[in-house]
Amino acid sequence: MAILEVTDVNKRFGGLRALHHLNLQVEEGTTHAIIGPNGAGKSTLLNCFVGRLIPETGSVTFDGASLLGQKPHQINQLGVSRVFQTPEIFEDLTVLENVMIPAFAKADGAFRINAWQRMESRADICDEAKHILEEMGLVEQGAVLSSTLSRGDKRRLELAMCLIQHPKLLLLDEPTAGMSRADTNNTIELLKRISERGITKIIIEHDMHVVFSLADRISVLAQGTVIAEGTPDEIKGDPKVIEAYLGGELG
């Protein structure tokens, strides 16, 4: 069953065609990778999913509800969370506070400063935040400022901030960008554990090691449209993918 359906989506920036008659279906509970060369429209597509951009034509439906015209916090309330290329965290707050804030935002519909007045009284949220940090391997750093974390730990913190919102769909935009191979492999294992929760994931990624380690299905974008789709094995052998994206070989 498809949890996300994208139908005939078009998006332009002036004279630049970013998305062109794009169609996509993501099955519930799967990890769906979107790959393609720089400028293929991958991040533009994700921005249409979270309300940062509105396509000129087409439809985007999540779990039976249209996402078009909804504000980012409304889409988040429906169960969509996003991890960005550059981790977006509150660097002047502690690691634990960073994880607690999205839980208040989820309850209120949008972040409101009065959440701070209730934070100390919400032991349930604090306990859940600590449990998630333990899963992420960050519980011992709960009291430190998040600005002091390594890039890999900031990425794990951002994942924790998403998980406490209990998302149905998790969008990951280059989740291993800038990481060492060791951190990349640790992130792969972490995302595999997240899959055990049944959360549907869409991953945009250039690292084919990450894609083939995680994806159940892969869509390949070029010039704003899907040129190929299939399982990892099918994509590896697709001549259109090799020509358009892989430069002759896919390892």
Protein backbone atom coordinates (compact mmCIF):
# COMPACT_ATOMS: atom_id res chain seq x y z
CA MET A 1 0.00 0.00 0.00
CA ALA A 2 1.36 3.42 -1.02
CA ILE A 3 1.67 5.89 1.85
CA LEU A 4 2.95 8.68 -0.43
CA GLU A 5 1.73 9.33 -3.98
CA VAL A 6 3.16 12.00 -6.27
CA THR A 7 1.27 12.56 -9.52
CA ASP A 8 2.32 14.71 -12.49
CA VAL A 9 4.22 17.27 -10.39
CA ASN A 10 5.82 20.22 -12.17
CA LYS A 11 7.97 22.95 -10.61
CA ARG A 12 9.86 25.80 -12.26
CA PHE A 13 12.22 28.48 -10.98
CA GLY A 14 11.97 31.20 -13.60
CA GLY A 15 13.06 29.53 -16.82
CA LEU A 16 14.56 26.52 -15.05
CA ARG A 17 12.49 23.35 -15.08
CA ALA A 18 13.23 21.67 -11.73
CA LEU A 19 10.50 18.98 -11.76
CA HIS A 20 8.82 17.75 -14.93
CA HIS A 21 5.71 15.54 -14.95
CA LEU A 22 7.12 13.64 -11.98
CA ASN A 23 5.31 10.56 -10.70
CA LEU A 24 6.32 8.55 -7.63
CA GLN A 25 4.80 6.06 -5.21
CA VAL A 26 6.34 5.07 -1.87
CA GLU A 27 5.09 1.92 -0.18
CA GLU A 28 4.33 2.00 3.53
CA GLY A 29 7.06 0.55 5.76
CA THR A 30 9.75 0.59 3.08
CA THR A 31 13.00 2.49 2.59
CA HIS A 32 12.79 4.27 -0.77
CA ALA A 33 15.97 5.90 -2.11
CA ILE A 34 15.94 8.76 -4.60
CA ILE A 35 19.20 9.16 -6.50
CA GLY A 36 20.40 11.24 -9.43
CA PRO A 37 23.00 13.78 -10.48
CA ASN A 38 23.28 17.23 -8.92
CA GLY A 39 20.46 19.40 -10.21
CA ALA A 40 18.16 16.45 -10.92
CA GLY A 41 15.45 17.88 -8.64
CA LYS A 42 15.85 15.64 -5.58
CA SER A 43 15.91 18.32 -2.87
CA THR A 44 13.24 20.33 -4.72
CA LEU A 45 10.99 17.28 -4.54
CA LEU A 46 11.57 16.88 -0.79
CA ASN A 47 10.78 20.56 -0.29
CA CYS A 48 7.43 19.97 -2.01
CA PHE A 49 6.76 17.17 0.49
CA VAL A 50 7.30 19.39 3.55
CA GLY A 51 5.57 22.58 2.41
CA ARG A 52 8.65 24.66 1.68
CA LEU A 53 7.77 24.71 -2.02
CA ILE A 54 4.46 24.40 -3.87
CA PRO A 55 4.44 22.84 -7.35
CA GLU A 56 2.67 24.60 -10.20
CA THR A 57 0.72 21.47 -11.11
CA GLY A 58 0.17 17.95 -9.85
CA SER A 59 -0.68 16.38 -6.52
CA VAL A 60 1.20 15.09 -3.46
CA THR A 61 -0.85 12.84 -1.19
CA PHE A 62 0.36 11.42 2.11
CA ASP A 63 -1.67 8.80 3.97
CA GLY A 64 -4.80 9.97 2.14
CA ALA A 65 -4.29 13.71 2.76
CA SER A 66 -3.08 16.31 0.27
CA LEU A 67 0.15 18.02 1.35
CA LEU A 68 -0.16 20.87 -1.14
CA GLY A 69 -1.01 24.22 0.42
CA GLN A 70 -0.35 23.00 3.95
CA LYS A 71 2.21 24.75 6.16
CA PRO A 72 5.33 22.84 7.27
CA HIS A 73 4.09 22.46 10.87
CA GLN A 74 0.76 21.11 9.60
CA ILE A 75 2.56 18.52 7.48
CA ASN A 76 4.66 17.61 10.51
CA GLN A 77 1.46 17.10 12.49
CA LEU A 78 0.35 14.57 9.86
CA GLY A 79 3.44 12.49 10.60
CA VAL A 80 6.19 13.71 8.27
CA SER A 81 9.63 14.55 9.69
CA ARG A 82 12.77 15.59 7.82
CA VAL A 83 16.53 15.32 8.39
CA PHE A 84 18.37 18.01 6.43
CA GLN A 85 21.69 17.96 4.53
CA THR A 86 23.18 20.16 7.24
CA PRO A 87 21.91 19.18 10.70
CA GLU A 88 19.34 21.71 11.96
CA ILE A 89 19.59 21.73 15.74
CA PHE A 90 19.46 24.29 18.55
CA GLU A 91 23.20 24.66 19.10
CA ASP A 92 22.86 26.85 22.22
CA LEU A 93 20.75 24.24 24.01
CA THR A 94 21.73 20.93 25.54
CA VAL A 95 21.38 17.65 23.70
CA LEU A 96 18.47 16.61 25.94
CA GLU A 97 16.66 19.94 25.49
CA ASN A 98 17.00 19.58 21.71
CA VAL A 99 15.14 16.28 21.80
CA MET A 100 12.42 17.51 24.17
CA ILE A 101 11.50 20.60 22.14
CA PRO A 102 10.04 18.72 19.11
CA ALA A 103 7.82 16.73 21.45
CA PHE A 104 6.26 19.98 22.70
CA ALA A 105 6.04 21.28 19.13
CA LYS A 106 4.23 18.12 18.06
CA ALA A 107 1.73 18.55 20.89
CA ASP A 108 1.15 22.26 20.24
CA GLY A 109 1.07 22.14 16.44
CA ALA A 110 3.99 24.58 16.19
CA PHE A 111 6.83 25.53 18.50
CA ARG A 112 5.72 27.99 21.14
CA ILE A 113 7.99 29.55 23.71
CA ASN A 114 5.59 28.69 26.54
CA ALA A 115 6.75 25.11 26.16
CA TRP A 116 9.71 26.09 28.31
CA GLN A 117 7.39 26.87 31.20
CA ARG A 118 6.20 23.26 31.19
CA MET A 119 9.41 21.41 30.39
CA GLU A 120 10.48 20.62 33.94
CA SER A 121 7.02 19.34 34.79
CA ARG A 122 6.86 16.90 31.86
CA ALA A 123 8.82 13.95 33.22
CA ASP A 124 7.21 11.68 30.62
CA ILE A 125 8.72 13.64 27.73
CA CYS A 126 12.06 13.87 29.50
CA ASP A 127 12.11 10.10 30.07
CA GLU A 128 11.21 9.38 26.44
CA ALA A 129 13.90 11.80 25.23
CA LYS A 130 16.50 10.04 27.36
CA HIS A 131 15.39 6.65 26.05
CA ILE A 132 15.74 7.80 22.45
CA LEU A 133 19.14 9.34 23.18
CA GLU A 134 20.21 6.00 24.60
CA GLU A 135 19.16 4.34 21.34
CA MET A 136 21.20 6.94 19.43
CA GLY A 137 24.24 6.41 21.66
CA LEU A 138 24.03 9.98 22.98
CA VAL A 139 22.53 9.62 26.46
CA GLU A 140 25.83 10.34 28.21
CA GLN A 141 26.03 13.65 26.35
CA GLY A 142 22.53 14.77 27.29
CA ALA A 143 23.73 17.68 29.44
CA VAL A 144 26.32 19.09 27.01
CA LEU A 145 25.66 21.87 24.52
CA SER A 146 24.78 20.45 21.14
CA SER A 147 27.22 22.85 19.45
CA THR A 148 30.09 20.77 20.85
CA LEU A 149 29.02 17.55 19.10
CA SER A 150 30.82 16.05 16.12
CA ARG A 151 29.03 16.10 12.75
CA GLY A 152 28.13 12.44 13.12
CA ASP A 153 26.69 13.02 16.60
CA LYS A 154 24.75 16.08 15.38
CA ARG A 155 23.20 13.87 12.71
CA ARG A 156 22.22 11.31 15.37
CA LEU A 157 20.80 14.11 17.51
CA GLU A 158 18.67 15.32 14.59
CA LEU A 159 17.39 11.77 14.11
CA ALA A 160 16.47 11.66 17.80
CA MET A 161 14.58 14.95 17.38
CA CYS A 162 12.59 13.33 14.58
CA LEU A 163 11.91 10.05 16.36
CA ILE A 164 10.37 11.66 19.44
CA GLN A 165 7.67 13.01 17.11
CA HIS A 166 6.66 9.42 16.19
CA PRO A 167 6.71 10.06 12.43
CA LYS A 168 5.00 7.84 9.88
CA LEU A 169 7.38 9.13 7.17
CA LEU A 170 11.01 10.13 7.70
CA LEU A 171 12.72 12.15 4.97
CA LEU A 172 16.52 12.01 4.97
CA ASP A 173 18.41 14.42 2.71
CA GLU A 174 21.97 13.07 2.34
CA PRO A 175 22.12 11.70 5.91
CA THR A 176 25.80 10.69 5.66
CA ALA A 177 27.16 13.76 3.85
CA GLY A 178 30.57 14.77 5.19
CA MET A 179 30.90 11.71 7.42
CA SER A 180 33.89 9.40 7.69
CA ARG A 181 33.37 5.83 6.48
CA ALA A 182 33.17 4.66 10.10
CA ASP A 183 30.47 7.23 10.92
CA THR A 184 28.67 6.35 7.68
CA ASN A 185 28.58 2.67 8.59
CA ASN A 186 27.34 3.50 12.09
CA THR A 187 24.57 5.62 10.57
CA ILE A 188 23.59 2.78 8.23
CA GLU A 189 23.20 0.45 11.22
CA LEU A 190 21.23 3.11 13.08
CA LEU A 191 18.84 3.57 10.15
CA LYS A 192 18.38 -0.18 9.91
CA ARG A 193 17.30 -0.22 13.56
CA ILE A 194 14.89 2.64 12.87
CA SER A 195 13.37 0.53 10.08
CA GLU A 196 12.41 -2.04 12.70
CA ARG A 197 9.93 0.54 14.04
CA GLY A 198 8.01 0.30 10.77
CA ILE A 199 8.71 3.92 9.82
CA THR A 200 8.63 4.60 6.09
CA LYS A 201 11.82 6.34 4.93
CA ILE A 202 12.77 8.33 1.84
CA ILE A 203 16.50 8.79 1.45
CA ILE A 204 18.28 11.15 -0.93
CA GLU A 205 21.89 10.03 -1.13
CA HIS A 206 24.91 10.12 -3.46
CA ASP A 207 26.83 7.38 -1.64
CA MET A 208 25.85 4.16 -3.39
CA HIS A 209 27.16 2.10 -0.47
CA VAL A 210 24.49 3.75 1.70
CA VAL A 211 21.78 3.38 -0.95
CA PHE A 212 22.37 -0.31 -1.60
CA SER A 213 22.73 -1.06 2.12
CA LEU A 214 19.33 0.44 2.98
CA ALA A 215 16.96 0.76 0.02
CA ASP A 216 14.11 -1.60 -0.73
CA ARG A 217 13.36 0.39 -3.87
CA ILE A 218 15.19 3.10 -5.80
CA SER A 219 13.92 5.91 -8.04
CA VAL A 220 16.42 7.62 -10.34
CA LEU A 221 15.85 11.27 -11.23
CA ALA A 222 17.36 13.14 -14.16
CA GLN A 223 16.30 16.59 -15.37
CA GLY A 224 13.41 16.66 -12.94
CA THR A 225 11.72 13.39 -13.85
CA VAL A 226 11.96 9.71 -12.89
CA ILE A 227 13.91 7.85 -15.59
CA ALA A 228 14.12 4.47 -13.83
CA GLU A 229 12.75 2.70 -10.79
CA GLY A 230 13.24 -0.72 -9.27
CA THR A 231 15.02 -2.82 -6.71
CA PRO A 232 18.73 -2.21 -6.07
CA ASP A 233 19.66 -5.16 -8.30
CA GLU A 234 17.45 -3.86 -11.11
CA ILE A 235 18.91 -0.36 -10.87
CA LYS A 236 22.49 -1.64 -10.91
CA GLY A 237 21.96 -3.16 -14.33
CA ASP A 238 19.77 -0.48 -15.93
CA PRO A 239 21.62 1.05 -18.93
CA LYS A 240 19.61 4.31 -18.67
CA VAL A 241 20.85 4.77 -15.11
CA ILE A 242 24.43 4.01 -16.03
CA GLU A 243 24.32 6.52 -18.89
CA ALA A 244 22.49 9.31 -17.07
CA TYR A 245 24.03 9.08 -13.62
CA LEU A 246 26.68 6.51 -12.97
CA GLY A 247 29.27 7.45 -15.55
CA GLY A 248 29.57 3.95 -16.92
CA GLU A 249 29.63 1.80 -13.83
CA LEU A 250 27.72 1.27 -10.60
CA GLY A 251 29.66 -0.36 -7.81
